[in-house]
Amino acid sequence: MRYVGLGLAAVAMLLASGAVARERKSAAVTDPDKIICRSEENTGSRLSKTKRCMSARDWAAEKAANQQDIERVQANRYKNN
């Protein structure tokens, strides 16, 4: 019975942390001019990282452009054979 209580407590903590993460994410989405910095690994190095800072609007535009590129490559994959 003790383990069931611990399991329920763990599940409750996971659900609560997910709710907090969604709140943070929605706060970032509401302000498109908020500057967000991300650390990206450099290709060819295990240790080197580059910090990139852009507005939330710019990150969203880059994500959309990357998604379009992926879809274009996947759509044209079998046409060249």
PDB file of N, CA and C in Angstrom:
ATOM      1  N   MET A   1       0.823  -1.189   0.000  1.00  0.00           N
ATOM      2  CA  MET A   1       0.000   0.000   0.000  1.00  0.00           C
ATOM      3  C   MET A   1       0.871   1.258   0.000  1.00  0.00           C
ATOM      4  N   ARG A   2       2.004   1.134   0.667  1.00  0.00           N
ATOM      5  CA  ARG A   2       2.908   2.277   0.753  1.00  0.00           C
ATOM      6  C   ARG A   2       3.440   2.644  -0.636  1.00  0.00           C
ATOM      7  N   TYR A   3       3.739   1.619  -1.451  1.00  0.00           N
ATOM      8  CA  TYR A   3       4.266   1.858  -2.793  1.00  0.00           C
ATOM      9  C   TYR A   3       3.211   2.478  -3.704  1.00  0.00           C
ATOM     10  N   VAL A   4       1.972   2.130  -3.496  1.00  0.00           N
ATOM     11  CA  VAL A   4       0.890   2.710  -4.292  1.00  0.00           C
ATOM     12  C   VAL A   4       0.799   4.204  -3.998  1.00  0.00           C
ATOM     13  N   GLY A   5       0.915   4.563  -2.742  1.00  0.00           N
ATOM     14  CA  GLY A   5       0.885   5.978  -2.360  1.00  0.00           C
ATOM     15  C   GLY A   5       2.040   6.743  -2.963  1.00  0.00           C
ATOM     16  N   LEU A   6       3.227   6.138  -2.941  1.00  0.00           N
ATOM     17  CA  LEU A   6       4.394   6.781  -3.550  1.00  0.00           C
ATOM     18  C   LEU A   6       4.219   6.916  -5.060  1.00  0.00           C
ATOM     19  N   GLY A   7       3.647   5.898  -5.678  1.00  0.00           N
ATOM     20  CA  GLY A   7       3.410   5.958  -7.122  1.00  0.00           C
ATOM     21  C   GLY A   7       2.429   7.050  -7.487  1.00  0.00           C
ATOM     22  N   LEU A   8       1.368   7.165  -6.709  1.00  0.00           N
ATOM     23  CA  LEU A   8       0.384   8.227  -6.965  1.00  0.00           C
ATOM     24  C   LEU A   8       0.998   9.602  -6.759  1.00  0.00           C
ATOM     25  N   ALA A   9       1.853   9.734  -5.755  1.00  0.00           N
ATOM     26  CA  ALA A   9       2.517  11.013  -5.512  1.00  0.00           C
ATOM     27  C   ALA A   9       3.438  11.360  -6.683  1.00  0.00           C
ATOM     28  N   ALA A  10       4.138  10.357  -7.212  1.00  0.00           N
ATOM     29  CA  ALA A  10       5.030  10.599  -8.349  1.00  0.00           C
ATOM     30  C   ALA A  10       4.239  11.022  -9.584  1.00  0.00           C
ATOM     31  N   VAL A  11       3.116  10.372  -9.830  1.00  0.00           N
ATOM     32  CA  VAL A  11       2.279  10.735 -10.978  1.00  0.00           C
ATOM     33  C   VAL A  11       1.745  12.148 -10.812  1.00  0.00           C
ATOM     34  N   ALA A  12       1.329  12.505  -9.611  1.00  0.00           N
ATOM     35  CA  ALA A  12       0.818  13.856  -9.359  1.00  0.00           C
ATOM     36  C   ALA A  12       1.901  14.898  -9.606  1.00  0.00           C
ATOM     37  N   MET A  13       3.132  14.591  -9.206  1.00  0.00           N
ATOM     38  CA  MET A  13       4.233  15.540  -9.432  1.00  0.00           C
ATOM     39  C   MET A  13       4.511  15.697 -10.917  1.00  0.00           C
ATOM     40  N   LEU A  14       4.463  14.601 -11.672  1.00  0.00           N
ATOM     41  CA  LEU A  14       4.691  14.678 -13.115  1.00  0.00           C
ATOM     42  C   LEU A  14       3.615  15.509 -13.805  1.00  0.00           C
ATOM     43  N   LEU A  15       2.380  15.308 -13.418  1.00  0.00           N
ATOM     44  CA  LEU A  15       1.285  16.081 -14.011  1.00  0.00           C
ATOM     45  C   LEU A  15       1.409  17.558 -13.677  1.00  0.00           C
ATOM     46  N   ALA A  16       1.800  17.854 -12.448  1.00  0.00           N
ATOM     47  CA  ALA A  16       1.958  19.254 -12.043  1.00  0.00           C
ATOM     48  C   ALA A  16       3.104  19.906 -12.800  1.00  0.00           C
ATOM     49  N   SER A  17       4.212  19.194 -12.993  1.00  0.00           N
ATOM     50  CA  SER A  17       5.339  19.776 -13.708  1.00  0.00           C
ATOM     51  C   SER A  17       4.981  20.006 -15.177  1.00  0.00           C
ATOM     52  N   GLY A  18       4.160  19.132 -15.762  1.00  0.00           N
ATOM     53  CA  GLY A  18       3.709  19.340 -17.137  1.00  0.00           C
ATOM     54  C   GLY A  18       2.848  20.579 -17.266  1.00  0.00           C
ATOM     55  N   ALA A  19       2.014  20.834 -16.265  1.00  0.00           N
ATOM     56  CA  ALA A  19       1.169  22.024 -16.280  1.00  0.00           C
ATOM     57  C   ALA A  19       2.018  23.283 -16.188  1.00  0.00           C
ATOM     58  N   VAL A  20       3.059  23.255 -15.373  1.00  0.00           N
ATOM     59  CA  VAL A  20       3.950  24.409 -15.247  1.00  0.00           C
ATOM     60  C   VAL A  20       4.684  24.650 -16.560  1.00  0.00           C
ATOM     61  N   ALA A  21       5.134  23.584 -17.205  1.00  0.00           N
ATOM     62  CA  ALA A  21       5.833  23.724 -18.481  1.00  0.00           C
ATOM     63  C   ALA A  21       4.913  24.308 -19.545  1.00  0.00           C
ATOM     64  N   ARG A  22       3.644  23.886 -19.563  1.00  0.00           N
ATOM     65  CA  ARG A  22       2.701  24.446 -20.533  1.00  0.00           C
ATOM     66  C   ARG A  22       2.460  25.923 -20.261  1.00  0.00           C
ATOM     67  N   GLU A  23       2.399  26.320 -18.998  1.00  0.00           N
ATOM     68  CA  GLU A  23       2.203  27.728 -18.663  1.00  0.00           C
ATOM     69  C   GLU A  23       3.387  28.556 -19.129  1.00  0.00           C
ATOM     70  N   ARG A  24       4.590  28.051 -18.934  1.00  0.00           N
ATOM     71  CA  ARG A  24       5.783  28.773 -19.378  1.00  0.00           C
ATOM     72  C   ARG A  24       5.792  28.893 -20.895  1.00  0.00           C
ATOM     73  N   LYS A  25       5.435  27.811 -21.568  1.00  0.00           N
ATOM     74  CA  LYS A  25       5.429  27.815 -23.022  1.00  0.00           C
ATOM     75  C   LYS A  25       4.385  28.789 -23.556  1.00  0.00           C
ATOM     76  N   SER A  26       3.200  28.826 -22.945  1.00  0.00           N
ATOM     77  CA  SER A  26       2.166  29.737 -23.412  1.00  0.00           C
ATOM     78  C   SER A  26       2.553  31.183 -23.138  1.00  0.00           C
ATOM     79  N   ALA A  27       3.300  31.434 -22.055  1.00  0.00           N
ATOM     80  CA  ALA A  27       3.750  32.792 -21.774  1.00  0.00           C
ATOM     81  C   ALA A  27       4.734  33.253 -22.840  1.00  0.00           C
ATOM     82  N   ALA A  28       5.594  32.361 -23.300  1.00  0.00           N
ATOM     83  CA  ALA A  28       6.548  32.717 -24.345  1.00  0.00           C
ATOM     84  C   ALA A  28       5.834  32.966 -25.663  1.00  0.00           C
ATOM     85  N   VAL A  29       4.763  32.245 -25.914  1.00  0.00           N
ATOM     86  CA  VAL A  29       4.023  32.395 -27.161  1.00  0.00           C
ATOM     87  C   VAL A  29       3.255  33.716 -27.178  1.00  0.00           C
ATOM     88  N   THR A  30       2.804  34.183 -26.034  1.00  0.00           N
ATOM     89  CA  THR A  30       2.000  35.404 -26.010  1.00  0.00           C
ATOM     90  C   THR A  30       2.816  36.638 -26.345  1.00  0.00           C
ATOM     91  N   ASP A  31       4.113  36.629 -26.072  1.00  0.00           N
ATOM     92  CA  ASP A  31       4.957  37.787 -26.364  1.00  0.00           C
ATOM     93  C   ASP A  31       5.920  37.436 -27.495  1.00  0.00           C
ATOM     94  N   PRO A  32       5.582  37.792 -28.738  1.00  0.00           N
ATOM     95  CA  PRO A  32       6.428  37.405 -29.871  1.00  0.00           C
ATOM     96  C   PRO A  32       7.764  38.144 -29.909  1.00  0.00           C
ATOM     97  N   ASP A  33       7.901  39.223 -29.149  1.00  0.00           N
ATOM     98  CA  ASP A  33       9.148  39.989 -29.149  1.00  0.00           C
ATOM     99  C   ASP A  33      10.092  39.591 -28.018  1.00  0.00           C
ATOM    100  N   LYS A  34       9.694  38.613 -27.207  1.00  0.00           N
ATOM    101  CA  LYS A  34      10.548  38.158 -26.118  1.00  0.00           C
ATOM    102  C   LYS A  34      11.779  37.472 -26.695  1.00  0.00           C
ATOM    103  N   ILE A  35      12.948  37.822 -26.183  1.00  0.00           N
ATOM    104  CA  ILE A  35      14.200  37.249 -26.648  1.00  0.00           C
ATOM    105  C   ILE A  35      14.421  35.914 -25.944  1.00  0.00           C
ATOM    106  N   ILE A  36      14.684  34.884 -26.754  1.00  0.00           N
ATOM    107  CA  ILE A  36      14.927  33.537 -26.245  1.00  0.00           C
ATOM    108  C   ILE A  36      16.309  33.117 -26.711  1.00  0.00           C
ATOM    109  N   CYS A  37      17.136  32.646 -25.780  1.00  0.00           N
ATOM    110  CA  CYS A  37      18.480  32.181 -26.107  1.00  0.00           C
ATOM    111  C   CYS A  37      18.522  30.661 -26.000  1.00  0.00           C
ATOM    112  N   ARG A  38      19.165  30.040 -26.985  1.00  0.00           N
ATOM    113  CA  ARG A  38      19.308  28.594 -27.005  1.00  0.00           C
ATOM    114  C   ARG A  38      20.767  28.255 -27.269  1.00  0.00           C
ATOM    115  N   SER A  39      21.205  27.181 -26.663  1.00  0.00           N
ATOM    116  CA  SER A  39      22.562  26.694 -26.862  1.00  0.00           C
ATOM    117  C   SER A  39      22.507  25.558 -27.867  1.00  0.00           C
ATOM    118  N   GLU A  40      23.311  25.661 -28.929  1.00  0.00           N
ATOM    119  CA  GLU A  40      23.305  24.650 -29.984  1.00  0.00           C
ATOM    120  C   GLU A  40      24.695  24.046 -30.113  1.00  0.00           C
ATOM    121  N   GLU A  41      24.745  22.733 -30.280  1.00  0.00           N
ATOM    122  CA  GLU A  41      26.019  22.053 -30.449  1.00  0.00           C
ATOM    123  C   GLU A  41      26.567  22.322 -31.844  1.00  0.00           C
ATOM    124  N   ASN A  42      27.870  22.530 -31.914  1.00  0.00           N
ATOM    125  CA  ASN A  42      28.518  22.733 -33.202  1.00  0.00           C
ATOM    126  C   ASN A  42      28.814  21.386 -33.840  1.00  0.00           C
ATOM    127  N   THR A  43      28.601  21.288 -35.134  1.00  0.00           N
ATOM    128  CA  THR A  43      28.861  20.052 -35.853  1.00  0.00           C
ATOM    129  C   THR A  43      30.361  19.772 -35.869  1.00  0.00           C
ATOM    130  N   GLY A  44      30.721  18.532 -35.579  1.00  0.00           N
ATOM    131  CA  GLY A  44      32.119  18.140 -35.604  1.00  0.00           C
ATOM    132  C   GLY A  44      32.831  18.316 -34.285  1.00  0.00           C
ATOM    133  N   SER A  45      32.122  18.724 -33.254  1.00  0.00           N
ATOM    134  CA  SER A  45      32.750  18.895 -31.960  1.00  0.00           C
ATOM    135  C   SER A  45      31.826  18.351 -30.877  1.00  0.00           C
ATOM    136  N   ARG A  46      32.412  17.648 -29.926  1.00  0.00           N
ATOM    137  CA  ARG A  46      31.598  17.123 -28.834  1.00  0.00           C
ATOM    138  C   ARG A  46      31.393  18.159 -27.734  1.00  0.00           C
ATOM    139  N   LEU A  47      32.270  19.139 -27.663  1.00  0.00           N
ATOM    140  CA  LEU A  47      32.247  20.061 -26.540  1.00  0.00           C
ATOM    141  C   LEU A  47      31.837  21.481 -26.906  1.00  0.00           C
ATOM    142  N   SER A  48      32.058  21.882 -28.135  1.00  0.00           N
ATOM    143  CA  SER A  48      31.805  23.257 -28.535  1.00  0.00           C
ATOM    144  C   SER A  48      30.311  23.518 -28.737  1.00  0.00           C
ATOM    145  N   LYS A  49      29.841  24.612 -28.168  1.00  0.00           N
ATOM    146  CA  LYS A  49      28.446  25.017 -28.333  1.00  0.00           C
ATOM    147  C   LYS A  49      28.390  26.498 -28.682  1.00  0.00           C
ATOM    148  N   THR A  50      27.342  26.873 -29.383  1.00  0.00           N
ATOM    149  CA  THR A  50      27.125  28.260 -29.754  1.00  0.00           C
ATOM    150  C   THR A  50      25.795  28.712 -29.169  1.00  0.00           C
ATOM    151  N   LYS A  51      25.781  29.897 -28.598  1.00  0.00           N
ATOM    152  CA  LYS A  51      24.558  30.441 -28.030  1.00  0.00           C
ATOM    153  C   LYS A  51      23.925  31.376 -29.055  1.00  0.00           C
ATOM    154  N   ARG A  52      22.652  31.104 -29.396  1.00  0.00           N
ATOM    155  CA  ARG A  52      21.922  31.934 -30.354  1.00  0.00           C
ATOM    156  C   ARG A  52      20.737  32.563 -29.654  1.00  0.00           C
ATOM    157  N   CYS A  53      20.577  33.861 -29.827  1.00  0.00           N
ATOM    158  CA  CYS A  53      19.462  34.581 -29.226  1.00  0.00           C
ATOM    159  C   CYS A  53      18.646  35.242 -30.322  1.00  0.00           C
ATOM    160  N   MET A  54      17.346  34.981 -30.323  1.00  0.00           N
ATOM    161  CA  MET A  54      16.419  35.594 -31.276  1.00  0.00           C
ATOM    162  C   MET A  54      15.085  35.800 -30.575  1.00  0.00           C
ATOM    163  N   SER A  55      14.231  36.567 -31.216  1.00  0.00           N
ATOM    164  CA  SER A  55      12.895  36.757 -30.656  1.00  0.00           C
ATOM    165  C   SER A  55      12.068  35.499 -30.890  1.00  0.00           C
ATOM    166  N   ALA A  56      10.997  35.361 -30.130  1.00  0.00           N
ATOM    167  CA  ALA A  56      10.120  34.198 -30.275  1.00  0.00           C
ATOM    168  C   ALA A  56       9.554  34.137 -31.692  1.00  0.00           C
ATOM    169  N   ARG A  57       9.285  35.286 -32.274  1.00  0.00           N
ATOM    170  CA  ARG A  57       8.772  35.353 -33.652  1.00  0.00           C
ATOM    171  C   ARG A  57       9.804  34.802 -34.636  1.00  0.00           C
ATOM    172  N   ASP A  58      11.085  35.163 -34.437  1.00  0.00           N
ATOM    173  CA  ASP A  58      12.144  34.678 -35.325  1.00  0.00           C
ATOM    174  C   ASP A  58      12.364  33.171 -35.169  1.00  0.00           C
ATOM    175  N   TRP A  59      12.293  32.656 -33.927  1.00  0.00           N
ATOM    176  CA  TRP A  59      12.421  31.215 -33.717  1.00  0.00           C
ATOM    177  C   TRP A  59      11.291  30.480 -34.417  1.00  0.00           C
ATOM    178  N   ALA A  60      10.075  31.013 -34.337  1.00  0.00           N
ATOM    179  CA  ALA A  60       8.932  30.370 -34.982  1.00  0.00           C
ATOM    180  C   ALA A  60       9.095  30.378 -36.503  1.00  0.00           C
ATOM    181  N   ALA A  61       9.592  31.495 -37.058  1.00  0.00           N
ATOM    182  CA  ALA A  61       9.809  31.577 -38.505  1.00  0.00           C
ATOM    183  C   ALA A  61      10.882  30.589 -38.949  1.00  0.00           C
ATOM    184  N   GLU A  62      11.949  30.449 -38.172  1.00  0.00           N
ATOM    185  CA  GLU A  62      13.005  29.493 -38.513  1.00  0.00           C
ATOM    186  C   GLU A  62      12.490  28.062 -38.441  1.00  0.00           C
ATOM    187  N   LYS A  63      11.677  27.768 -37.445  1.00  0.00           N
ATOM    188  CA  LYS A  63      11.104  26.430 -37.315  1.00  0.00           C
ATOM    189  C   LYS A  63      10.198  26.119 -38.506  1.00  0.00           C
ATOM    190  N   ALA A  64       9.387  27.094 -38.929  1.00  0.00           N
ATOM    191  CA  ALA A  64       8.500  26.886 -40.076  1.00  0.00           C
ATOM    192  C   ALA A  64       9.304  26.683 -41.361  1.00  0.00           C
ATOM    193  N   ALA A  65      10.380  27.452 -41.539  1.00  0.00           N
ATOM    194  CA  ALA A  65      11.219  27.306 -42.734  1.00  0.00           C
ATOM    195  C   ALA A  65      11.900  25.941 -42.753  1.00  0.00           C
ATOM    196  N   ASN A  66      12.379  25.494 -41.605  1.00  0.00           N
ATOM    197  CA  ASN A  66      13.006  24.168 -41.526  1.00  0.00           C
ATOM    198  C   ASN A  66      11.995  23.068 -41.838  1.00  0.00           C
ATOM    199  N   GLN A  67      10.778  23.233 -41.333  1.00  0.00           N
ATOM    200  CA  GLN A  67       9.741  22.235 -41.594  1.00  0.00           C
ATOM    201  C   GLN A  67       9.393  22.191 -43.078  1.00  0.00           C
ATOM    202  N   GLN A  68       9.338  23.344 -43.729  1.00  0.00           N
ATOM    203  CA  GLN A  68       9.067  23.389 -45.168  1.00  0.00           C
ATOM    204  C   GLN A  68      10.176  22.693 -45.953  1.00  0.00           C
ATOM    205  N   ASP A  69      11.423  22.923 -45.540  1.00  0.00           N
ATOM    206  CA  ASP A  69      12.547  22.271 -46.215  1.00  0.00           C
ATOM    207  C   ASP A  69      12.467  20.757 -46.082  1.00  0.00           C
ATOM    208  N   ILE A  70      12.146  20.293 -44.890  1.00  0.00           N
ATOM    209  CA  ILE A  70      12.030  18.845 -44.660  1.00  0.00           C
ATOM    210  C   ILE A  70      10.916  18.260 -45.516  1.00  0.00           C
ATOM    211  N   GLU A  71       9.774  18.918 -45.561  1.00  0.00           N
ATOM    212  CA  GLU A  71       8.650  18.419 -46.351  1.00  0.00           C
ATOM    213  C   GLU A  71       8.977  18.420 -47.837  1.00  0.00           C
ATOM    214  N   ARG A  72       9.702  19.438 -48.313  1.00  0.00           N
ATOM    215  CA  ARG A  72      10.078  19.511 -49.724  1.00  0.00           C
ATOM    216  C   ARG A  72      11.021  18.373 -50.077  1.00  0.00           C
ATOM    217  N   VAL A  73      12.005  18.101 -49.218  1.00  0.00           N
ATOM    218  CA  VAL A  73      12.954  17.022 -49.482  1.00  0.00           C
ATOM    219  C   VAL A  73      12.243  15.675 -49.465  1.00  0.00           C
ATOM    220  N   GLN A  74      11.362  15.490 -48.499  1.00  0.00           N
ATOM    221  CA  GLN A  74      10.640  14.213 -48.421  1.00  0.00           C
ATOM    222  C   GLN A  74       9.703  14.013 -49.605  1.00  0.00           C
ATOM    223  N   ALA A  75       9.096  15.087 -50.095  1.00  0.00           N
ATOM    224  CA  ALA A  75       8.186  14.975 -51.235  1.00  0.00           C
ATOM    225  C   ALA A  75       8.948  14.671 -52.519  1.00  0.00           C
ATOM    226  N   ASN A  76      10.175  15.158 -52.646  1.00  0.00           N
ATOM    227  CA  ASN A  76      10.966  14.958 -53.858  1.00  0.00           C
ATOM    228  C   ASN A  76      11.904  13.764 -53.776  1.00  0.00           C
ATOM    229  N   ARG A  77      11.838  12.996 -52.720  1.00  0.00           N
ATOM    230  CA  ARG A  77      12.769  11.887 -52.504  1.00  0.00           C
ATOM    231  C   ARG A  77      12.674  10.842 -53.617  1.00  0.00           C
ATOM    232  N   TYR A  78      11.503  10.502 -54.041  1.00  0.00           N
ATOM    233  CA  TYR A  78      11.327   9.401 -54.998  1.00  0.00           C
ATOM    234  C   TYR A  78      11.141   9.881 -56.429  1.00  0.00           C
ATOM    235  N   LYS A  79      11.074  11.178 -56.661  1.00  0.00           N
ATOM    236  CA  LYS A  79      10.878  11.690 -58.013  1.00  0.00           C
ATOM    237  C   LYS A  79      12.153  11.627 -58.846  1.00  0.00           C
ATOM    238  N   ASN A  80      13.319  11.656 -58.208  1.00  0.00           N
ATOM    239  CA  ASN A  80      14.591  11.705 -58.935  1.00  0.00           C
ATOM    240  C   ASN A  80      15.093  10.328 -59.350  1.00  0.00           C
ATOM    241  N   ASN A  81      14.448   9.275 -58.978  1.00  0.00           N
ATOM    242  CA  ASN A  81      14.909   7.911 -59.312  1.00  0.00           C
ATOM    243  C   ASN A  81      14.403   7.451 -60.625  1.00  0.00           C
TER     244      ASN A  81
END
